Amino acid sequence: MLIIANGFSCREQIAQNTRRSALHLAGVLQMALREGLAGPDEKYPERGYIQRNGGGPTGAELGVFTAGSLLLAGLWYQKYRSAK
């Protein structure tokens, strides 16, 4: 049985007050795509799909975000300078 909760605070309350972790709907869809409709054959199937590192971005994700932000800032600056 899966516990599904889309809100962050709902998932936190479930995690803090039970031995289970709730999944966001997107995580359930990811599980269905990887495992099939029957899902994983485990007592706590959500454990393979919960981020244990606090859910923050990885170093690679931060690098991509930073590079994209710098690129957009550079494009904006070029447009701003050419408009003068």
N, C-alpha and C. Protein backbone atom coordinates (compact mmCIF):
# COMPACT_ATOMS: atom_id res chain seq x y z
N MET A 1 0.84 -1.17 0.00
CA MET A 1 0.00 0.00 0.00
C MET A 1 0.90 1.25 0.00
N LEU A 2 0.56 2.19 -0.84
CA LEU A 2 1.29 3.45 -0.92
C LEU A 2 0.52 4.55 -0.21
N ILE A 3 1.26 5.48 0.34
CA ILE A 3 0.67 6.69 0.92
C ILE A 3 1.07 7.83 0.00
N ILE A 4 0.08 8.54 -0.51
CA ILE A 4 0.34 9.63 -1.46
C ILE A 4 -0.09 10.94 -0.83
N ALA A 5 0.81 11.91 -0.81
CA ALA A 5 0.50 13.26 -0.32
C ALA A 5 1.33 14.24 -1.14
N ASN A 6 0.68 15.17 -1.79
CA ASN A 6 1.39 16.10 -2.66
C ASN A 6 1.99 17.28 -1.90
N GLY A 7 1.46 17.61 -0.75
CA GLY A 7 1.97 18.75 0.00
C GLY A 7 3.19 18.39 0.84
N PHE A 8 4.16 19.30 0.89
CA PHE A 8 5.38 19.07 1.65
C PHE A 8 5.07 18.85 3.13
N SER A 9 4.24 19.71 3.71
CA SER A 9 3.98 19.59 5.15
C SER A 9 3.22 18.30 5.46
N CYS A 10 2.35 17.88 4.57
CA CYS A 10 1.63 16.62 4.78
C CYS A 10 2.61 15.45 4.79
N ARG A 11 3.53 15.44 3.83
CA ARG A 11 4.53 14.36 3.79
C ARG A 11 5.41 14.39 5.03
N GLU A 12 5.78 15.58 5.49
CA GLU A 12 6.61 15.69 6.70
C GLU A 12 5.88 15.16 7.93
N GLN A 13 4.60 15.50 8.07
CA GLN A 13 3.83 15.03 9.23
C GLN A 13 3.71 13.51 9.22
N ILE A 14 3.49 12.94 8.05
CA ILE A 14 3.39 11.48 7.95
C ILE A 14 4.72 10.85 8.31
N ALA A 15 5.82 11.40 7.81
CA ALA A 15 7.15 10.85 8.09
C ALA A 15 7.51 10.97 9.57
N GLN A 16 7.10 12.07 10.21
CA GLN A 16 7.46 12.29 11.60
C GLN A 16 6.59 11.49 12.58
N ASN A 17 5.37 11.15 12.18
CA ASN A 17 4.45 10.51 13.10
C ASN A 17 4.17 9.04 12.80
N THR A 18 4.77 8.53 11.75
CA THR A 18 4.59 7.11 11.42
C THR A 18 5.94 6.53 10.99
N ARG A 19 5.95 5.27 10.71
CA ARG A 19 7.17 4.63 10.20
C ARG A 19 7.18 4.63 8.67
N ARG A 20 6.26 5.33 8.07
CA ARG A 20 6.12 5.34 6.62
C ARG A 20 6.51 6.72 6.07
N SER A 21 6.69 6.76 4.76
CA SER A 21 6.94 8.01 4.05
C SER A 21 5.93 8.11 2.93
N ALA A 22 5.33 9.27 2.79
CA ALA A 22 4.37 9.48 1.71
C ALA A 22 5.13 9.88 0.45
N LEU A 23 4.58 9.51 -0.68
CA LEU A 23 5.14 9.87 -1.97
C LEU A 23 4.30 10.96 -2.62
N HIS A 24 4.96 11.83 -3.34
CA HIS A 24 4.28 12.79 -4.19
C HIS A 24 3.73 12.02 -5.39
N LEU A 25 2.67 12.53 -6.00
CA LEU A 25 2.08 11.86 -7.14
C LEU A 25 3.09 11.62 -8.25
N ALA A 26 4.01 12.58 -8.45
CA ALA A 26 5.05 12.40 -9.47
C ALA A 26 5.94 11.21 -9.15
N GLY A 27 6.22 10.97 -7.88
CA GLY A 27 7.01 9.82 -7.48
C GLY A 27 6.28 8.51 -7.72
N VAL A 28 4.97 8.52 -7.53
CA VAL A 28 4.17 7.32 -7.80
C VAL A 28 4.17 7.02 -9.30
N LEU A 29 4.05 8.06 -10.11
CA LEU A 29 4.10 7.86 -11.57
C LEU A 29 5.47 7.33 -12.00
N GLN A 30 6.53 7.87 -11.39
CA GLN A 30 7.88 7.38 -11.69
C GLN A 30 8.01 5.91 -11.31
N MET A 31 7.48 5.55 -10.17
CA MET A 31 7.52 4.17 -9.72
C MET A 31 6.77 3.26 -10.69
N ALA A 32 5.60 3.69 -11.15
CA ALA A 32 4.81 2.89 -12.09
C ALA A 32 5.55 2.70 -13.40
N LEU A 33 6.24 3.74 -13.86
CA LEU A 33 6.99 3.62 -15.11
C LEU A 33 8.16 2.65 -14.97
N ARG A 34 8.82 2.67 -13.83
CA ARG A 34 9.99 1.80 -13.63
C ARG A 34 9.62 0.37 -13.23
N GLU A 35 8.61 0.24 -12.39
CA GLU A 35 8.31 -1.07 -11.79
C GLU A 35 7.12 -1.77 -12.43
N GLY A 36 6.34 -1.06 -13.23
CA GLY A 36 5.10 -1.62 -13.76
C GLY A 36 3.95 -1.30 -12.81
N LEU A 37 2.76 -1.62 -13.23
CA LEU A 37 1.58 -1.27 -12.43
C LEU A 37 1.53 -1.99 -11.10
N ALA A 38 2.11 -3.18 -11.00
CA ALA A 38 2.10 -3.92 -9.73
C ALA A 38 3.01 -3.27 -8.70
N GLY A 39 4.00 -2.50 -9.14
CA GLY A 39 4.92 -1.85 -8.23
C GLY A 39 5.95 -2.81 -7.67
N PRO A 40 6.87 -2.31 -6.85
CA PRO A 40 7.89 -3.17 -6.26
C PRO A 40 7.27 -4.11 -5.23
N ASP A 41 7.86 -5.27 -5.08
CA ASP A 41 7.36 -6.27 -4.14
C ASP A 41 8.11 -6.13 -2.82
N GLU A 42 7.80 -5.06 -2.09
CA GLU A 42 8.46 -4.78 -0.82
C GLU A 42 7.43 -4.36 0.21
N LYS A 43 7.80 -4.48 1.48
CA LYS A 43 6.89 -4.06 2.55
C LYS A 43 6.69 -2.55 2.54
N TYR A 44 7.77 -1.81 2.30
CA TYR A 44 7.71 -0.35 2.22
C TYR A 44 8.22 0.07 0.84
N PRO A 45 7.38 0.02 -0.18
CA PRO A 45 7.84 0.28 -1.55
C PRO A 45 8.34 1.70 -1.78
N GLU A 46 7.93 2.63 -0.94
CA GLU A 46 8.35 4.02 -1.14
C GLU A 46 9.81 4.26 -0.81
N ARG A 47 10.44 3.37 -0.07
CA ARG A 47 11.81 3.61 0.39
C ARG A 47 12.81 3.77 -0.75
N GLY A 48 12.57 3.14 -1.87
CA GLY A 48 13.48 3.28 -3.01
C GLY A 48 13.27 4.56 -3.79
N TYR A 49 12.24 5.34 -3.41
CA TYR A 49 11.91 6.54 -4.17
C TYR A 49 11.88 7.81 -3.32
N ILE A 50 12.34 7.71 -2.10
CA ILE A 50 12.40 8.88 -1.21
C ILE A 50 13.84 9.36 -1.16
N GLN A 51 14.04 10.67 -1.34
CA GLN A 51 15.39 11.23 -1.23
C GLN A 51 15.75 11.35 0.24
N ARG A 52 16.86 10.78 0.61
CA ARG A 52 17.31 10.80 2.01
C ARG A 52 18.23 11.97 2.32
N ASN A 53 18.62 12.74 1.31
CA ASN A 53 19.57 13.82 1.55
C ASN A 53 18.87 15.15 1.79
N GLY A 54 17.64 15.12 2.26
CA GLY A 54 16.91 16.35 2.50
C GLY A 54 16.21 16.86 1.26
N GLY A 55 16.36 16.17 0.16
CA GLY A 55 15.65 16.55 -1.04
C GLY A 55 16.23 17.74 -1.78
N GLY A 56 17.39 18.21 -1.35
CA GLY A 56 18.00 19.36 -2.01
C GLY A 56 18.61 18.98 -3.35
N PRO A 57 18.96 19.97 -4.12
CA PRO A 57 19.55 19.70 -5.43
C PRO A 57 20.96 19.12 -5.31
N THR A 58 21.34 18.33 -6.31
CA THR A 58 22.69 17.78 -6.34
C THR A 58 23.65 18.84 -6.86
N GLY A 59 24.93 18.55 -6.79
CA GLY A 59 25.93 19.48 -7.30
C GLY A 59 25.77 19.72 -8.80
N ALA A 60 25.45 18.66 -9.54
CA ALA A 60 25.26 18.80 -10.98
C ALA A 60 24.05 19.69 -11.28
N GLU A 61 22.97 19.51 -10.53
CA GLU A 61 21.78 20.33 -10.73
C GLU A 61 22.08 21.80 -10.43
N LEU A 62 22.84 22.04 -9.37
CA LEU A 62 23.21 23.42 -9.05
C LEU A 62 24.09 24.02 -10.14
N GLY A 63 25.00 23.22 -10.71
CA GLY A 63 25.86 23.70 -11.79
C GLY A 63 25.06 24.08 -13.02
N VAL A 64 24.10 23.24 -13.39
CA VAL A 64 23.26 23.54 -14.55
C VAL A 64 22.43 24.79 -14.29
N PHE A 65 21.88 24.92 -13.10
CA PHE A 65 21.09 26.10 -12.75
C PHE A 65 21.95 27.36 -12.81
N THR A 66 23.15 27.28 -12.27
CA THR A 66 24.05 28.44 -12.26
C THR A 66 24.45 28.83 -13.68
N ALA A 67 24.81 27.84 -14.50
CA ALA A 67 25.19 28.13 -15.89
C ALA A 67 24.03 28.74 -16.65
N GLY A 68 22.83 28.21 -16.47
CA GLY A 68 21.65 28.76 -17.14
C GLY A 68 21.37 30.17 -16.69
N SER A 69 21.51 30.43 -15.39
CA SER A 69 21.27 31.77 -14.87
C SER A 69 22.28 32.77 -15.43
N LEU A 70 23.54 32.37 -15.50
CA LEU A 70 24.57 33.26 -16.06
C LEU A 70 24.32 33.52 -17.54
N LEU A 71 23.91 32.50 -18.27
CA LEU A 71 23.60 32.67 -19.69
C LEU A 71 22.45 33.64 -19.88
N LEU A 72 21.39 33.47 -19.12
CA LEU A 72 20.24 34.39 -19.23
C LEU A 72 20.62 35.81 -18.83
N ALA A 73 21.42 35.95 -17.80
CA ALA A 73 21.86 37.29 -17.38
C ALA A 73 22.70 37.93 -18.48
N GLY A 74 23.58 37.15 -19.11
CA GLY A 74 24.40 37.68 -20.20
C GLY A 74 23.56 38.10 -21.40
N LEU A 75 22.57 37.30 -21.76
CA LEU A 75 21.68 37.65 -22.87
C LEU A 75 20.88 38.91 -22.56
N TRP A 76 20.39 39.00 -21.32
CA TRP A 76 19.65 40.19 -20.93
C TRP A 76 20.54 41.43 -21.00
N TYR A 77 21.78 41.30 -20.53
CA TYR A 77 22.71 42.42 -20.52
C TYR A 77 23.02 42.88 -21.95
N GLN A 78 23.22 41.93 -22.86
CA GLN A 78 23.47 42.29 -24.26
C GLN A 78 22.28 43.04 -24.84
N LYS A 79 21.09 42.56 -24.58
CA LYS A 79 19.90 43.22 -25.09
C LYS A 79 19.76 44.62 -24.47
N TYR A 80 20.04 44.73 -23.18
CA TYR A 80 19.95 46.00 -22.48
C TYR A 80 20.95 47.00 -23.07
N ARG A 81 22.19 46.56 -23.35
CA ARG A 81 23.22 47.46 -23.91
C ARG A 81 22.89 47.87 -25.33
N SER A 82 22.34 46.96 -26.13
CA SER A 82 22.05 47.30 -27.52
C SER A 82 20.82 48.21 -27.62
N ALA A 83 19.99 48.25 -26.60
CA ALA A 83 18.81 49.11 -26.62
C ALA A 83 19.16 50.55 -26.33
N LYS A 84 20.33 50.82 -25.77
CA LYS A 84 20.72 52.19 -25.43
C LYS A 84 21.17 52.96 -26.61
